[in-house]
Protein backbone atom coordinates (compact mmCIF):
# COMPACT_ATOMS: atom_id res chain seq x y z
CA MET A 1 7.74 -7.51 -1.32
CA VAL A 2 5.57 -9.07 1.55
CA ILE A 3 2.85 -6.29 3.29
CA ILE A 4 2.28 -7.40 6.77
CA ASP A 5 0.82 -4.63 8.43
CA ILE A 6 -1.02 -1.56 7.11
CA ALA A 7 -2.04 -0.63 10.67
CA LEU A 8 -5.76 -1.30 10.18
CA ALA A 9 -6.03 -2.49 13.10
CA LYS A 10 -7.98 -0.97 16.21
CA VAL A 11 -6.74 -2.47 20.05
CA THR A 12 -9.43 -1.87 22.62
CA ALA A 13 -8.52 -2.31 26.68
CA THR A 14 -11.12 -2.71 29.30
CA VAL A 15 -10.90 0.68 30.71
CA HIS A 16 -10.71 -0.95 34.71
CA PRO A 17 -11.75 -3.96 35.66
CA LEU A 18 -13.56 -3.20 38.96
CA GLN A 19 -15.95 -0.93 36.65
CA GLU A 20 -19.46 -1.61 37.35
CA ASN A 21 -19.96 -2.05 33.41
CA PRO A 22 -16.79 -4.48 32.90
CA ASP A 23 -18.26 -4.71 29.14
CA ARG A 24 -17.37 -0.96 28.47
CA THR A 25 -13.99 -0.58 26.78
CA GLN A 26 -11.92 2.02 26.05
CA ALA A 27 -9.91 2.40 22.34
CA TYR A 28 -6.18 3.51 22.60
CA GLY A 29 -3.70 4.86 19.89
CA ALA A 30 -2.38 0.98 17.95
CA GLY A 31 -0.70 0.77 14.48
CA SER A 32 2.45 0.68 12.97
CA ALA A 33 4.23 4.78 13.63
CA PHE A 34 4.66 5.00 10.30
CA TRP A 35 1.68 3.77 8.56
CA VAL A 36 -1.07 4.79 11.23
CA ALA A 37 -3.42 7.76 10.90
CA PRO A 38 -2.29 10.36 13.29
CA GLU A 39 -6.13 10.71 13.96
CA GLN A 40 -5.57 7.49 15.07
CA VAL A 41 -2.43 8.07 16.96
CA LYS A 42 -4.04 11.02 19.07
CA ASP A 43 -7.43 8.21 19.41
CA ALA A 44 -8.11 5.18 18.16
CA SER A 45 -12.12 5.43 18.36
CA GLU A 46 -12.33 7.97 16.22
CA ALA A 47 -10.42 5.88 13.13
CA ASP A 48 -12.98 5.56 10.66
CA GLU A 49 -12.53 4.72 6.51
CA LYS A 50 -10.66 7.73 6.02
CA SER A 51 -8.08 6.68 8.45
CA ASP A 52 -7.83 3.42 6.79
CA ILE A 53 -7.79 5.23 3.13
CA TYR A 54 -4.56 7.32 5.30
CA GLY A 55 -3.02 2.93 6.01
CA LEU A 56 -3.27 2.64 2.33
CA GLY A 57 -1.61 5.88 1.12
CA ALA A 58 1.20 4.99 3.70
CA THR A 59 1.41 1.43 2.21
CA ILE A 60 1.27 2.16 -1.41
CA TYR A 61 4.10 4.86 -0.83
CA HIS A 62 6.31 2.58 1.01
CA PHE A 63 5.55 0.17 -1.78
CA VAL A 64 6.09 2.87 -4.74
CA THR A 65 9.11 4.32 -3.11
CA GLY A 66 10.85 1.34 -0.67
CA LYS A 67 10.60 3.72 2.15
CA PRO A 68 7.81 4.65 4.71
CA SER A 69 6.77 8.12 4.33
CA TYR A 70 8.99 9.63 7.06
CA ARG A 71 11.80 7.54 6.74
CA GLU A 72 13.94 9.80 8.15
CA LYS A 73 12.70 9.49 11.43
CA THR A 74 12.06 6.81 14.20
CA ALA A 75 9.10 5.06 14.88
CA GLY A 76 9.02 6.79 18.35
CA GLU A 77 9.52 10.22 16.57
CA VAL A 78 6.82 9.63 14.02
CA TRP A 79 4.18 8.59 16.76
CA GLU A 80 4.68 11.87 18.86
CA MET A 81 4.84 13.91 15.76
CA LYS A 82 1.06 11.92 14.75
CA LYS A 83 -0.09 13.47 17.63
CA LEU A 84 0.50 17.08 17.03
CA PRO A 85 -2.50 19.21 15.35
CA ALA A 86 -2.93 18.68 11.52
CA ASN A 87 -1.57 21.25 10.34
CA LYS A 88 1.94 21.21 12.42
CA ILE A 89 2.83 17.86 11.30
CA PRO A 90 5.27 18.02 8.20
CA THR A 91 3.76 16.84 4.79
CA PRO A 92 6.18 13.54 3.72
CA GLN A 93 8.63 14.28 0.64
CA GLU A 94 6.20 13.56 -2.16
CA PRO A 95 6.93 9.87 -3.93
CA ARG A 96 8.06 11.03 -7.10
CA GLU A 97 11.16 12.80 -5.94
CA LEU A 98 11.93 9.59 -4.92
CA ASN A 99 10.87 6.95 -7.66
CA SER A 100 10.47 8.94 -11.25
CA GLU A 101 8.00 5.84 -12.27
CA VAL A 102 5.91 7.78 -9.88
CA LYS A 103 3.91 10.44 -11.98
CA GLY A 104 1.36 12.95 -12.01
CA LYS A 105 -2.21 11.75 -11.19
CA PHE A 106 -0.69 9.08 -9.44
CA ASN A 107 1.67 11.02 -7.36
CA ASP A 108 -0.98 13.25 -6.47
CA LEU A 109 -4.02 10.75 -5.43
CA ILE A 110 -0.71 8.94 -2.57
CA MET A 111 -0.17 11.97 -1.52
CA GLU A 112 -4.28 12.75 -1.13
CA CYS A 113 -4.46 9.63 1.16
CA LEU A 114 -1.72 10.70 3.00
CA GLU A 115 -3.20 14.05 4.13
CA ASN A 116 -3.05 14.77 8.01
CA ASP A 117 -6.47 16.26 7.87
CA PRO A 118 -8.98 13.75 7.38
CA ALA A 119 -11.55 16.15 5.87
CA ARG A 120 -8.74 16.54 2.97
CA ARG A 121 -8.82 12.85 1.81
CA PRO A 122 -10.52 10.83 -0.09
CA GLU A 123 -14.37 10.89 1.04
CA THR A 124 -14.43 6.86 0.53
CA PHE A 125 -12.80 4.04 -0.94
CA GLU A 126 -15.30 4.35 -4.37
CA LYS A 127 -14.01 7.56 -4.47
CA VAL A 128 -9.91 6.04 -4.68
CA ILE A 129 -11.11 3.58 -7.16
CA GLU A 130 -12.82 6.21 -9.17
CA LYS A 131 -8.95 7.82 -8.68
CA ILE A 132 -7.29 4.74 -9.99
CA GLY A 133 -9.68 4.25 -12.64
CA GLU A 134 -8.98 7.59 -13.67
CA ILE A 135 -4.97 7.13 -13.72
CA GLU A 136 -5.32 3.15 -15.03
CA LYS A 137 -6.93 4.13 -17.86
CA PRO A 138 -4.89 6.64 -20.43
CA VAL A 139 -2.59 3.85 -19.51
CA LEU A 140 -4.55 1.00 -20.88
CA GLU A 141 -4.59 3.21 -23.86
CA GLU A 142 -1.18 3.68 -24.33
CA LEU A 143 -0.10 0.37 -23.71
CA ARG A 144 -2.97 -1.24 -26.28
CA ALA A 145 -1.72 1.72 -28.79
CA THR A 146 2.09 0.73 -28.30
CA ILE A 147 1.09 -3.68 -29.18
CA LEU A 148 -1.27 -3.10 -32.20
CA GLN A 149 1.68 -0.73 -33.88
CA ARG A 150 4.02 -3.19 -32.85
CA LYS A 151 5.49 -4.98 -36.24
CA GLY A 152 7.42 -7.79 -36.33
CA PRO A 153 6.69 -11.56 -35.72
CA THR A 154 4.96 -12.69 -32.78
CA LEU A 155 6.53 -14.49 -29.82
CA GLN A 156 7.01 -18.09 -30.40
CA ARG A 157 7.59 -20.28 -28.00
CA LYS A 158 10.85 -22.56 -28.21
CA GLY A 159 11.59 -25.75 -26.78
CA PRO A 160 8.64 -28.27 -26.80
CA THR A 161 5.81 -27.94 -28.11
CA ASN A 162 2.92 -30.18 -26.06
CA TRP A 163 3.20 -31.52 -22.38
CA GLN A 164 4.45 -34.90 -23.57
CA ASP A 165 7.84 -33.21 -24.77
CA ASP A 166 7.77 -31.83 -21.56
CA ASP A 167 7.40 -34.77 -19.53
CA ASN A 168 9.98 -36.83 -22.00
CA ARG A 169 12.68 -33.64 -21.52
CA ARG A 170 12.32 -34.28 -17.45
CA GLN A 171 12.70 -38.20 -17.60
CA GLU A 172 15.17 -37.70 -19.58
CA ALA A 173 17.23 -35.67 -17.26
CA LEU A 174 16.24 -37.35 -14.06
CA ASP A 175 17.86 -40.59 -15.77
CA LYS A 176 20.77 -38.71 -16.82
CA TYR A 177 21.04 -37.79 -12.83
CA VAL A 178 20.44 -41.19 -11.75
CA GLU A 179 23.39 -42.86 -13.56
CA MET A 180 25.69 -40.46 -11.98
């Protein structure tokens, strides 16, 4: 999967080419409809770290479900919907409903990042990172316990045991190919 746009850009345009101060610019809603925060659609000059947190949540949502958060709508419909007041914008379907591997706190973090009201999103990226750490620690502890409990032979390399053997096998294969 390649992620190209996570809607973190802000586009600006000159208000009027003949105005007294041509350096003055006006921001307008910009980004990809499925990933851009609602406040960014209304006024891109309002975009801040919490807007980026929304974009991160939307990207993670798409990554873990394989679909954007409002997949049943067109980009134009999503753009118009996000112009509504935050309390009128529907909440996307929870990721755990689309992917059973998304559990508890991870699901909750994604949904918290996707809150339509910026005041209800994590305050900063540092807070998001803290929450990821809280989620990650039990997973790593479980993995460690599983590895320590594993019985039986350790994994052993099959085939050539050193780089020289690898090189010899490649050369033999090349020689056979050339003879054909």
